[in-house]
């Protein structure tokens, strides 16, 4: 990845199955290229910084709706939302948390 600049993002981390009942945000500094999405950033963090990060996606084009996350408190699709410096990425709050930013969409 050829980078001219970098951005900082904060990502929610929590593992309820290990008894963790409250989570925390971790800050990551990642290389930035024009056109990057929130999903691209999560994928970069997983591939290059922290292999324990859990997130979900399927289609990458906004059709499956599996990558819903909250960005700065608003629900968005990670695959279609452009990345900006200083974003806070968390789980979609209306669903049961599975781990990090992965939620169970079957339950409300």
PDB file of N, CA and C in Angstrom:
ATOM      1  N   UNK A   1       0.835  -1.169   0.000  1.00  0.00           N
ATOM      2  CA  UNK A   1       0.000   0.000   0.000  1.00  0.00           C
ATOM      3  C   UNK A   1       0.883   1.237   0.000  1.00  0.00           C
ATOM      4  N   UNK A   2       0.803   1.997  -1.036  1.00  0.00           N
ATOM      5  CA  UNK A   2       1.595   3.216  -1.140  1.00  0.00           C
ATOM      6  C   UNK A   2       0.877   4.318  -0.369  1.00  0.00           C
ATOM      7  N   UNK A   3       1.542   4.881   0.630  1.00  0.00           N
ATOM      8  CA  UNK A   3       0.847   5.859   1.452  1.00  0.00           C
ATOM      9  C   UNK A   3       1.529   7.216   1.424  1.00  0.00           C
ATOM     10  N   UNK A   4       0.689   8.244   1.363  1.00  0.00           N
ATOM     11  CA  UNK A   4       1.167   9.615   1.408  1.00  0.00           C
ATOM     12  C   UNK A   4       0.875  10.223   2.766  1.00  0.00           C
ATOM     13  N   UNK A   5      -0.094   9.672   3.455  1.00  0.00           N
ATOM     14  CA  UNK A   5      -0.456  10.167   4.768  1.00  0.00           C
ATOM     15  C   UNK A   5      -1.073   9.031   5.564  1.00  0.00           C
ATOM     16  N   UNK A   6      -1.383   9.317   6.806  1.00  0.00           N
ATOM     17  CA  UNK A   6      -2.035   8.305   7.634  1.00  0.00           C
ATOM     18  C   UNK A   6      -3.198   8.941   8.369  1.00  0.00           C
ATOM     19  N   UNK A   7      -4.087   8.089   8.860  1.00  0.00           N
ATOM     20  CA  UNK A   7      -5.230   8.538   9.648  1.00  0.00           C
ATOM     21  C   UNK A   7      -5.268   7.729  10.936  1.00  0.00           C
ATOM     22  N   UNK A   8      -5.909   8.300  11.931  1.00  0.00           N
ATOM     23  CA  UNK A   8      -6.129   7.598  13.196  1.00  0.00           C
ATOM     24  C   UNK A   8      -7.604   7.264  13.289  1.00  0.00           C
ATOM     25  N   UNK A   9      -7.881   6.036  13.688  1.00  0.00           N
ATOM     26  CA  UNK A   9      -9.257   5.616  13.944  1.00  0.00           C
ATOM     27  C   UNK A   9      -9.296   4.927  15.298  1.00  0.00           C
ATOM     28  N   UNK A  10     -10.438   5.046  15.951  1.00  0.00           N
ATOM     29  CA  UNK A  10     -10.658   4.345  17.219  1.00  0.00           C
ATOM     30  C   UNK A  10     -11.664   3.245  16.952  1.00  0.00           C
ATOM     31  N   UNK A  11     -11.333   2.026  17.400  1.00  0.00           N
ATOM     32  CA  UNK A  11     -12.191   0.869  17.153  1.00  0.00           C
ATOM     33  C   UNK A  11     -12.560   0.222  18.482  1.00  0.00           C
ATOM     34  N   UNK A  12     -13.843  -0.078  18.632  1.00  0.00           N
ATOM     35  CA  UNK A  12     -14.349  -0.716  19.843  1.00  0.00           C
ATOM     36  C   UNK A  12     -13.838  -2.141  19.935  1.00  0.00           C
ATOM     37  N   UNK A  13     -13.389  -2.528  21.129  1.00  0.00           N
ATOM     38  CA  UNK A  13     -12.899  -3.889  21.382  1.00  0.00           C
ATOM     39  C   UNK A  13     -13.620  -4.452  22.603  1.00  0.00           C
ATOM     40  N   UNK A  14     -14.175  -5.641  22.472  1.00  0.00           N
ATOM     41  CA  UNK A  14     -14.863  -6.299  23.576  1.00  0.00           C
ATOM     42  C   UNK A  14     -15.059  -7.769  23.233  1.00  0.00           C
ATOM     43  N   UNK A  15     -14.883  -8.651  24.220  1.00  0.00           N
ATOM     44  CA  UNK A  15     -15.074 -10.081  24.023  1.00  0.00           C
ATOM     45  C   UNK A  15     -16.021 -10.613  25.094  1.00  0.00           C
ATOM     46  N   UNK A  16     -17.338 -10.476  24.875  1.00  0.00           N
ATOM     47  CA  UNK A  16     -18.307 -10.921  25.890  1.00  0.00           C
ATOM     48  C   UNK A  16     -18.203 -12.400  26.245  1.00  0.00           C
ATOM     49  N   UNK A  17     -17.850 -13.269  25.286  1.00  0.00           N
ATOM     50  CA  UNK A  17     -17.791 -14.703  25.594  1.00  0.00           C
ATOM     51  C   UNK A  17     -16.686 -15.035  26.584  1.00  0.00           C
ATOM     52  N   UNK A  18     -15.738 -14.131  26.782  1.00  0.00           N
ATOM     53  CA  UNK A  18     -14.685 -14.330  27.781  1.00  0.00           C
ATOM     54  C   UNK A  18     -15.023 -13.631  29.095  1.00  0.00           C
ATOM     55  N   UNK A  19     -16.286 -13.243  29.245  1.00  0.00           N
ATOM     56  CA  UNK A  19     -16.721 -12.618  30.484  1.00  0.00           C
ATOM     57  C   UNK A  19     -16.544 -11.108  30.520  1.00  0.00           C
ATOM     58  N   UNK A  20     -16.046 -10.526  29.452  1.00  0.00           N
ATOM     59  CA  UNK A  20     -15.863  -9.072  29.410  1.00  0.00           C
ATOM     60  C   UNK A  20     -17.232  -8.435  29.188  1.00  0.00           C
ATOM     61  N   UNK A  21     -17.669  -7.596  30.131  1.00  0.00           N
ATOM     62  CA  UNK A  21     -18.995  -6.999  30.000  1.00  0.00           C
ATOM     63  C   UNK A  21     -18.963  -5.557  29.515  1.00  0.00           C
ATOM     64  N   UNK A  22     -17.825  -4.935  29.572  1.00  0.00           N
ATOM     65  CA  UNK A  22     -17.695  -3.594  29.010  1.00  0.00           C
ATOM     66  C   UNK A  22     -16.490  -3.591  28.084  1.00  0.00           C
ATOM     67  N   UNK A  23     -16.572  -2.828  27.078  1.00  0.00           N
ATOM     68  CA  UNK A  23     -15.466  -2.775  26.136  1.00  0.00           C
ATOM     69  C   UNK A  23     -14.677  -1.495  26.279  1.00  0.00           C
ATOM     70  N   UNK A  24     -13.760  -1.317  25.364  1.00  0.00           N
ATOM     71  CA  UNK A  24     -12.929  -0.122  25.331  1.00  0.00           C
ATOM     72  C   UNK A  24     -12.597   0.183  23.875  1.00  0.00           C
ATOM     73  N   UNK A  25     -12.115   1.365  23.629  1.00  0.00           N
ATOM     74  CA  UNK A  25     -11.704   1.751  22.282  1.00  0.00           C
ATOM     75  C   UNK A  25     -10.186   1.739  22.189  1.00  0.00           C
ATOM     76  N   UNK A  26      -9.687   1.184  21.097  1.00  0.00           N
ATOM     77  CA  UNK A  26      -8.256   1.211  20.814  1.00  0.00           C
ATOM     78  C   UNK A  26      -8.029   2.101  19.604  1.00  0.00           C
ATOM     79  N   UNK A  27      -6.961   2.862  19.663  1.00  0.00           N
ATOM     80  CA  UNK A  27      -6.631   3.762  18.558  1.00  0.00           C
ATOM     81  C   UNK A  27      -5.598   3.106  17.653  1.00  0.00           C
ATOM     82  N   UNK A  28      -5.838   3.227  16.357  1.00  0.00           N
ATOM     83  CA  UNK A  28      -4.926   2.674  15.354  1.00  0.00           C
ATOM     84  C   UNK A  28      -4.542   3.776  14.376  1.00  0.00           C
ATOM     85  N   UNK A  29      -3.294   3.786  14.011  1.00  0.00           N
ATOM     86  CA  UNK A  29      -2.778   4.705  13.003  1.00  0.00           C
ATOM     87  C   UNK A  29      -2.539   3.881  11.738  1.00  0.00           C
ATOM     88  N   UNK A  30      -3.242   4.216  10.664  1.00  0.00           N
ATOM     89  CA  UNK A  30      -3.133   3.413   9.446  1.00  0.00           C
ATOM     90  C   UNK A  30      -2.829   4.295   8.241  1.00  0.00           C
ATOM     91  N   UNK A  31      -2.150   3.735   7.239  1.00  0.00           N
ATOM     92  CA  UNK A  31      -1.888   4.501   6.021  1.00  0.00           C
ATOM     93  C   UNK A  31      -3.192   4.798   5.295  1.00  0.00           C
ATOM     94  N   UNK A  32      -3.243   5.964   4.700  1.00  0.00           N
ATOM     95  CA  UNK A  32      -4.474   6.403   4.034  1.00  0.00           C
ATOM     96  C   UNK A  32      -4.239   6.613   2.544  1.00  0.00           C
ATOM     97  N   UNK A  33      -5.202   6.147   1.767  1.00  0.00           N
ATOM     98  CA  UNK A  33      -5.254   6.437   0.339  1.00  0.00           C
ATOM     99  C   UNK A  33      -6.656   6.920   0.019  1.00  0.00           C
ATOM    100  N   UNK A  34      -6.782   7.832  -0.905  1.00  0.00           N
ATOM    101  CA  UNK A  34      -8.087   8.352  -1.308  1.00  0.00           C
ATOM    102  C   UNK A  34      -9.007   7.199  -1.692  1.00  0.00           C
ATOM    103  N   UNK A  35     -10.246   7.279  -1.268  1.00  0.00           N
ATOM    104  CA  UNK A  35     -11.231   6.267  -1.606  1.00  0.00           C
ATOM    105  C   UNK A  35     -11.340   5.127  -0.607  1.00  0.00           C
ATOM    106  N   UNK A  36     -10.503   5.133   0.429  1.00  0.00           N
ATOM    107  CA  UNK A  36     -10.595   4.071   1.437  1.00  0.00           C
ATOM    108  C   UNK A  36     -11.927   4.144   2.165  1.00  0.00           C
ATOM    109  N   UNK A  37     -12.447   2.976   2.524  1.00  0.00           N
ATOM    110  CA  UNK A  37     -13.684   2.903   3.287  1.00  0.00           C
ATOM    111  C   UNK A  37     -13.384   2.451   4.714  1.00  0.00           C
ATOM    112  N   UNK A  38     -14.390   2.516   5.550  1.00  0.00           N
ATOM    113  CA  UNK A  38     -14.259   2.018   6.917  1.00  0.00           C
ATOM    114  C   UNK A  38     -13.896   0.535   6.887  1.00  0.00           C
ATOM    115  N   UNK A  39     -14.500  -0.217   5.982  1.00  0.00           N
ATOM    116  CA  UNK A  39     -14.187  -1.640   5.863  1.00  0.00           C
ATOM    117  C   UNK A  39     -12.731  -1.856   5.455  1.00  0.00           C
ATOM    118  N   UNK A  40     -12.222  -1.043   4.553  1.00  0.00           N
ATOM    119  CA  UNK A  40     -10.819  -1.137   4.155  1.00  0.00           C
ATOM    120  C   UNK A  40      -9.913  -0.913   5.355  1.00  0.00           C
ATOM    121  N   UNK A  41     -10.275   0.042   6.204  1.00  0.00           N
ATOM    122  CA  UNK A  41      -9.485   0.330   7.403  1.00  0.00           C
ATOM    123  C   UNK A  41      -9.512  -0.855   8.366  1.00  0.00           C
ATOM    124  N   UNK A  42     -10.692  -1.432   8.595  1.00  0.00           N
ATOM    125  CA  UNK A  42     -10.791  -2.591   9.484  1.00  0.00           C
ATOM    126  C   UNK A  42      -9.969  -3.753   8.935  1.00  0.00           C
ATOM    127  N   UNK A  43     -10.039  -3.951   7.633  1.00  0.00           N
ATOM    128  CA  UNK A  43      -9.272  -5.014   6.999  1.00  0.00           C
ATOM    129  C   UNK A  43      -7.769  -4.768   7.139  1.00  0.00           C
ATOM    130  N   UNK A  44      -7.345  -3.522   6.981  1.00  0.00           N
ATOM    131  CA  UNK A  44      -5.919  -3.193   7.147  1.00  0.00           C
ATOM    132  C   UNK A  44      -5.464  -3.476   8.580  1.00  0.00           C
ATOM    133  N   UNK A  45      -6.265  -3.054   9.546  1.00  0.00           N
ATOM    134  CA  UNK A  45      -5.916  -3.306  10.953  1.00  0.00           C
ATOM    135  C   UNK A  45      -5.767  -4.804  11.186  1.00  0.00           C
ATOM    136  N   UNK A  46      -6.715  -5.583  10.680  1.00  0.00           N
ATOM    137  CA  UNK A  46      -6.662  -7.035  10.868  1.00  0.00           C
ATOM    138  C   UNK A  46      -5.430  -7.647  10.188  1.00  0.00           C
ATOM    139  N   UNK A  47      -5.164  -7.259   8.974  1.00  0.00           N
ATOM    140  CA  UNK A  47      -4.071  -7.861   8.202  1.00  0.00           C
ATOM    141  C   UNK A  47      -2.676  -7.429   8.663  1.00  0.00           C
ATOM    142  N   UNK A  48      -2.537  -6.185   9.153  1.00  0.00           N
ATOM    143  CA  UNK A  48      -1.207  -5.637   9.415  1.00  0.00           C
ATOM    144  C   UNK A  48      -0.898  -5.270  10.865  1.00  0.00           C
ATOM    145  N   UNK A  49      -1.940  -5.153  11.696  1.00  0.00           N
ATOM    146  CA  UNK A  49      -1.691  -4.665  13.053  1.00  0.00           C
ATOM    147  C   UNK A  49      -2.178  -5.634  14.128  1.00  0.00           C
ATOM    148  N   UNK A  50      -3.421  -6.092  14.022  1.00  0.00           N
ATOM    149  CA  UNK A  50      -4.021  -6.857  15.116  1.00  0.00           C
ATOM    150  C   UNK A  50      -4.937  -7.941  14.569  1.00  0.00           C
ATOM    151  N   UNK A  51      -4.441  -9.164  14.498  1.00  0.00           N
ATOM    152  CA  UNK A  51      -5.191 -10.288  13.943  1.00  0.00           C
ATOM    153  C   UNK A  51      -6.344 -10.730  14.845  1.00  0.00           C
ATOM    154  N   UNK A  52      -6.463 -10.161  16.026  1.00  0.00           N
ATOM    155  CA  UNK A  52      -7.570 -10.546  16.905  1.00  0.00           C
ATOM    156  C   UNK A  52      -8.825  -9.701  16.675  1.00  0.00           C
ATOM    157  N   UNK A  53      -8.751  -8.673  15.840  1.00  0.00           N
ATOM    158  CA  UNK A  53      -9.904  -7.816  15.571  1.00  0.00           C
ATOM    159  C   UNK A  53     -10.982  -8.607  14.837  1.00  0.00           C
ATOM    160  N   UNK A  54     -12.216  -8.514  15.344  1.00  0.00           N
ATOM    161  CA  UNK A  54     -13.341  -9.196  14.700  1.00  0.00           C
ATOM    162  C   UNK A  54     -14.281  -8.184  14.068  1.00  0.00           C
ATOM    163  N   UNK A  55     -14.605  -8.429  12.801  1.00  0.00           N
ATOM    164  CA  UNK A  55     -15.574  -7.631  12.063  1.00  0.00           C
ATOM    165  C   UNK A  55     -16.159  -8.537  10.993  1.00  0.00           C
ATOM    166  N   UNK A  56     -17.287  -8.143  10.409  1.00  0.00           N
ATOM    167  CA  UNK A  56     -17.952  -8.993   9.433  1.00  0.00           C
ATOM    168  C   UNK A  56     -18.212  -8.217   8.151  1.00  0.00           C
ATOM    169  N   UNK A  57     -18.087  -8.915   7.048  1.00  0.00           N
ATOM    170  CA  UNK A  57     -18.513  -8.395   5.752  1.00  0.00           C
ATOM    171  C   UNK A  57     -18.747  -9.571   4.830  1.00  0.00           C
ATOM    172  N   UNK A  58     -19.463  -9.315   3.759  1.00  0.00           N
ATOM    173  CA  UNK A  58     -19.694 -10.371   2.791  1.00  0.00           C
ATOM    174  C   UNK A  58     -19.522  -9.847   1.372  1.00  0.00           C
ATOM    175  N   UNK A  59     -20.366  -8.919   0.969  1.00  0.00           N
ATOM    176  CA  UNK A  59     -20.393  -8.540  -0.447  1.00  0.00           C
ATOM    177  C   UNK A  59     -19.452  -7.400  -0.829  1.00  0.00           C
ATOM    178  N   UNK A  60     -19.114  -6.524   0.095  1.00  0.00           N
ATOM    179  CA  UNK A  60     -18.279  -5.341  -0.142  1.00  0.00           C
ATOM    180  C   UNK A  60     -18.918  -4.284  -1.051  1.00  0.00           C
ATOM    181  N   UNK A  61     -20.205  -4.419  -1.379  1.00  0.00           N
ATOM    182  CA  UNK A  61     -20.838  -3.440  -2.275  1.00  0.00           C
ATOM    183  C   UNK A  61     -22.156  -2.896  -1.721  1.00  0.00           C
ATOM    184  N   UNK A  62     -22.412  -3.071  -0.437  1.00  0.00           N
ATOM    185  CA  UNK A  62     -23.583  -2.474   0.186  1.00  0.00           C
ATOM    186  C   UNK A  62     -24.892  -3.215  -0.022  1.00  0.00           C
ATOM    187  N   UNK A  63     -24.850  -4.453  -0.449  1.00  0.00           N
ATOM    188  CA  UNK A  63     -26.087  -5.203  -0.694  1.00  0.00           C
ATOM    189  C   UNK A  63     -26.458  -6.143   0.445  1.00  0.00           C
ATOM    190  N   UNK A  64     -25.461  -6.755   1.098  1.00  0.00           N
ATOM    191  CA  UNK A  64     -25.764  -7.778   2.105  1.00  0.00           C
ATOM    192  C   UNK A  64     -26.127  -7.175   3.463  1.00  0.00           C
ATOM    193  N   UNK A  65     -25.709  -5.962   3.728  1.00  0.00           N
ATOM    194  CA  UNK A  65     -25.969  -5.243   4.980  1.00  0.00           C
ATOM    195  C   UNK A  65     -25.295  -5.867   6.191  1.00  0.00           C
ATOM    196  N   UNK A  66     -24.363  -6.780   5.984  1.00  0.00           N
ATOM    197  CA  UNK A  66     -23.690  -7.451   7.084  1.00  0.00           C
ATOM    198  C   UNK A  66     -22.645  -6.609   7.787  1.00  0.00           C
ATOM    199  N   UNK A  67     -22.169  -5.552   7.143  1.00  0.00           N
ATOM    200  CA  UNK A  67     -21.077  -4.768   7.720  1.00  0.00           C
ATOM    201  C   UNK A  67     -21.568  -3.512   8.436  1.00  0.00           C
ATOM    202  N   UNK A  68     -22.834  -3.508   8.877  1.00  0.00           N
ATOM    203  CA  UNK A  68     -23.335  -2.357   9.627  1.00  0.00           C
ATOM    204  C   UNK A  68     -22.515  -2.152  10.886  1.00  0.00           C
ATOM    205  N   UNK A  69     -22.018  -0.954  11.083  1.00  0.00           N
ATOM    206  CA  UNK A  69     -21.314  -0.539  12.290  1.00  0.00           C
ATOM    207  C   UNK A  69     -21.782   0.870  12.632  1.00  0.00           C
ATOM    208  N   UNK A  70     -21.450   1.338  13.804  1.00  0.00           N
ATOM    209  CA  UNK A  70     -21.695   2.734  14.146  1.00  0.00           C
ATOM    210  C   UNK A  70     -20.400   3.494  13.953  1.00  0.00           C
ATOM    211  N   UNK A  71     -20.462   4.581  13.213  1.00  0.00           N
ATOM    212  CA  UNK A  71     -19.310   5.454  13.019  1.00  0.00           C
ATOM    213  C   UNK A  71     -19.684   6.816  13.587  1.00  0.00           C
ATOM    214  N   UNK A  72     -18.923   7.231  14.565  1.00  0.00           N
ATOM    215  CA  UNK A  72     -19.204   8.483  15.262  1.00  0.00           C
ATOM    216  C   UNK A  72     -20.657   8.539  15.740  1.00  0.00           C
ATOM    217  N   UNK A  73     -21.162   7.377  16.205  1.00  0.00           N
ATOM    218  CA  UNK A  73     -22.494   7.299  16.780  1.00  0.00           C
ATOM    219  C   UNK A  73     -23.621   7.104  15.792  1.00  0.00           C
ATOM    220  N   UNK A  74     -23.329   7.006  14.493  1.00  0.00           N
ATOM    221  CA  UNK A  74     -24.375   6.838  13.487  1.00  0.00           C
ATOM    222  C   UNK A  74     -24.212   5.503  12.777  1.00  0.00           C
ATOM    223  N   UNK A  75     -25.329   4.775  12.551  1.00  0.00           N
ATOM    224  CA  UNK A  75     -25.231   3.499  11.849  1.00  0.00           C
ATOM    225  C   UNK A  75     -24.913   3.701  10.368  1.00  0.00           C
ATOM    226  N   UNK A  76     -23.914   2.970   9.882  1.00  0.00           N
ATOM    227  CA  UNK A  76     -23.487   3.072   8.487  1.00  0.00           C
ATOM    228  C   UNK A  76     -23.044   1.689   7.992  1.00  0.00           C
ATOM    229  N   UNK A  77     -22.947   1.555   6.696  1.00  0.00           N
ATOM    230  CA  UNK A  77     -22.324   0.373   6.115  1.00  0.00           C
ATOM    231  C   UNK A  77     -20.831   0.637   6.007  1.00  0.00           C
ATOM    232  N   UNK A  78     -20.035  -0.240   6.585  1.00  0.00           N
ATOM    233  CA  UNK A  78     -18.580  -0.056   6.571  1.00  0.00           C
ATOM    234  C   UNK A  78     -18.028  -0.102   5.152  1.00  0.00           C
ATOM    235  N   UNK A  79     -18.669  -0.858   4.274  1.00  0.00           N
ATOM    236  CA  UNK A  79     -18.140  -1.035   2.918  1.00  0.00           C
ATOM    237  C   UNK A  79     -18.386   0.160   2.007  1.00  0.00           C
ATOM    238  N   UNK A  80     -19.326   1.031   2.365  1.00  0.00           N
ATOM    239  CA  UNK A  80     -19.631   2.172   1.494  1.00  0.00           C
ATOM    240  C   UNK A  80     -19.323   3.525   2.140  1.00  0.00           C
ATOM    241  N   UNK A  81     -18.909   3.529   3.396  1.00  0.00           N
ATOM    242  CA  UNK A  81     -18.623   4.776   4.104  1.00  0.00           C
ATOM    243  C   UNK A  81     -17.154   5.132   3.958  1.00  0.00           C
ATOM    244  N   UNK A  82     -16.900   6.298   3.396  1.00  0.00           N
ATOM    245  CA  UNK A  82     -15.524   6.727   3.188  1.00  0.00           C
ATOM    246  C   UNK A  82     -14.839   7.019   4.516  1.00  0.00           C
ATOM    247  N   UNK A  83     -13.588   6.626   4.602  1.00  0.00           N
ATOM    248  CA  UNK A  83     -12.785   6.788   5.806  1.00  0.00           C
ATOM    249  C   UNK A  83     -12.324   8.230   5.970  1.00  0.00           C
ATOM    250  N   UNK A  84     -12.383   8.713   7.200  1.00  0.00           N
ATOM    251  CA  UNK A  84     -11.886  10.049   7.540  1.00  0.00           C
ATOM    252  C   UNK A  84     -11.047   9.951   8.804  1.00  0.00           C
ATOM    253  N   UNK A  85     -10.108  10.839   8.946  1.00  0.00           N
ATOM    254  CA  UNK A  85      -9.260  10.876  10.130  1.00  0.00           C
ATOM    255  C   UNK A  85     -10.108  11.128  11.369  1.00  0.00           C
ATOM    256  N   UNK A  86      -9.816  10.398  12.436  1.00  0.00           N
ATOM    257  CA  UNK A  86     -10.468  10.610  13.721  1.00  0.00           C
ATOM    258  C   UNK A  86     -11.774   9.879  13.924  1.00  0.00           C
ATOM    259  N   UNK A  87     -12.167   9.025  12.999  1.00  0.00           N
ATOM    260  CA  UNK A  87     -13.427   8.294  13.147  1.00  0.00           C
ATOM    261  C   UNK A  87     -13.387   7.350  14.350  1.00  0.00           C
ATOM    262  N   UNK A  88     -14.550   7.189  14.978  1.00  0.00           N
ATOM    263  CA  UNK A  88     -14.730   6.214  16.038  1.00  0.00           C
ATOM    264  C   UNK A  88     -15.681   5.151  15.513  1.00  0.00           C
ATOM    265  N   UNK A  89     -15.212   3.899  15.479  1.00  0.00           N
ATOM    266  CA  UNK A  89     -15.958   2.791  14.883  1.00  0.00           C
ATOM    267  C   UNK A  89     -16.363   1.833  15.989  1.00  0.00           C
ATOM    268  N   UNK A  90     -17.671   1.585  16.090  1.00  0.00           N
ATOM    269  CA  UNK A  90     -18.169   0.690  17.126  1.00  0.00           C
ATOM    270  C   UNK A  90     -19.245  -0.229  16.584  1.00  0.00           C
ATOM    271  N   UNK A  91     -19.739  -1.136  17.421  1.00  0.00           N
ATOM    272  CA  UNK A  91     -20.792  -2.052  16.990  1.00  0.00           C
ATOM    273  C   UNK A  91     -22.121  -1.326  16.843  1.00  0.00           C
ATOM    274  N   UNK A  92     -22.976  -1.847  15.993  1.00  0.00           N
ATOM    275  CA  UNK A  92     -24.324  -1.310  15.833  1.00  0.00           C
ATOM    276  C   UNK A  92     -25.057  -1.554  17.153  1.00  0.00           C
ATOM    277  N   UNK A  93     -25.482  -0.504  17.820  1.00  0.00           N
ATOM    278  CA  UNK A  93     -25.960  -0.586  19.199  1.00  0.00           C
ATOM    279  C   UNK A  93     -27.314  -1.257  19.396  1.00  0.00           C
ATOM    280  N   UNK A  94     -28.099  -1.429  18.347  1.00  0.00           N
ATOM    281  CA  UNK A  94     -29.436  -1.996  18.520  1.00  0.00           C
ATOM    282  C   UNK A  94     -29.450  -3.522  18.519  1.00  0.00           C
ATOM    283  N   UNK A  95     -28.281  -4.141  18.438  1.00  0.00           N
ATOM    284  CA  UNK A  95     -28.213  -5.593  18.376  1.00  0.00           C
ATOM    285  C   UNK A  95     -27.231  -6.132  19.409  1.00  0.00           C
ATOM    286  N   UNK A  96     -27.381  -7.413  19.723  1.00  0.00           N
ATOM    287  CA  UNK A  96     -26.536  -8.060  20.722  1.00  0.00           C
ATOM    288  C   UNK A  96     -25.095  -8.160  20.212  1.00  0.00           C
ATOM    289  N   UNK A  97     -24.168  -7.731  21.053  1.00  0.00           N
ATOM    290  CA  UNK A  97     -22.750  -7.770  20.715  1.00  0.00           C
ATOM    291  C   UNK A  97     -22.218  -9.198  20.766  1.00  0.00           C
ATOM    292  N   UNK A  98     -21.490  -9.579  19.725  1.00  0.00           N
ATOM    293  CA  UNK A  98     -20.816 -10.872  19.706  1.00  0.00           C
ATOM    294  C   UNK A  98     -19.356 -10.677  20.091  1.00  0.00           C
ATOM    295  N   UNK A  99     -18.651  -9.805  19.379  1.00  0.00           N
ATOM    296  CA  UNK A  99     -17.260  -9.478  19.689  1.00  0.00           C
ATOM    297  C   UNK A  99     -16.853  -8.254  18.878  1.00  0.00           C
ATOM    298  N   UNK A 100     -16.116  -7.353  19.508  1.00  0.00           N
ATOM    299  CA  UNK A 100     -15.597  -6.138  18.852  1.00  0.00           C
ATOM    300  C   UNK A 100     -16.731  -5.396  18.139  1.00  0.00           C
ATOM    301  N   UNK A 101     -16.747  -5.369  16.796  1.00  0.00           N
ATOM    302  CA  UNK A 101     -17.818  -4.666  16.086  1.00  0.00           C
ATOM    303  C   UNK A 101     -18.785  -5.635  15.401  1.00  0.00           C
ATOM    304  N   UNK A 102     -18.744  -6.903  15.794  1.00  0.00           N
ATOM    305  CA  UNK A 102     -19.646  -7.920  15.241  1.00  0.00           C
ATOM    306  C   UNK A 102     -20.864  -8.040  16.157  1.00  0.00           C
ATOM    307  N   UNK A 103     -22.049  -7.957  15.559  1.00  0.00           N
ATOM    308  CA  UNK A 103     -23.289  -8.092  16.321  1.00  0.00           C
ATOM    309  C   UNK A 103     -24.160  -9.169  15.705  1.00  0.00           C
ATOM    310  N   UNK A 104     -25.144  -9.634  16.484  1.00  0.00           N
ATOM    311  CA  UNK A 104     -26.102 -10.620  16.016  1.00  0.00           C
ATOM    312  C   UNK A 104     -27.331  -9.886  15.496  1.00  0.00           C
ATOM    313  N   UNK A 105     -27.475  -9.841  14.177  1.00  0.00           N
ATOM    314  CA  UNK A 105     -28.598  -9.123  13.571  1.00  0.00           C
ATOM    315  C   UNK A 105     -29.917  -9.883  13.693  1.00  0.00           C
ATOM    316  N   UNK A 106     -29.868 -11.112  14.137  1.00  0.00           N
ATOM    317  CA  UNK A 106     -31.097 -11.895  14.287  1.00  0.00           C
ATOM    318  C   UNK A 106     -31.878 -11.456  15.514  1.00  0.00           C
ATOM    319  N   UNK A 107     -31.191 -10.846  16.480  1.00  0.00           N
ATOM    320  CA  UNK A 107     -31.856 -10.432  17.713  1.00  0.00           C
ATOM    321  C   UNK A 107     -31.936  -8.912  17.775  1.00  0.00           C
ATOM    322  N   UNK A 108     -33.007  -8.404  18.346  1.00  0.00           N
ATOM    323  CA  UNK A 108     -33.152  -6.944  18.541  1.00  0.00           C
ATOM    324  C   UNK A 108     -33.111  -6.629  20.005  1.00  0.00           C
TER     325      UNK A 108
END
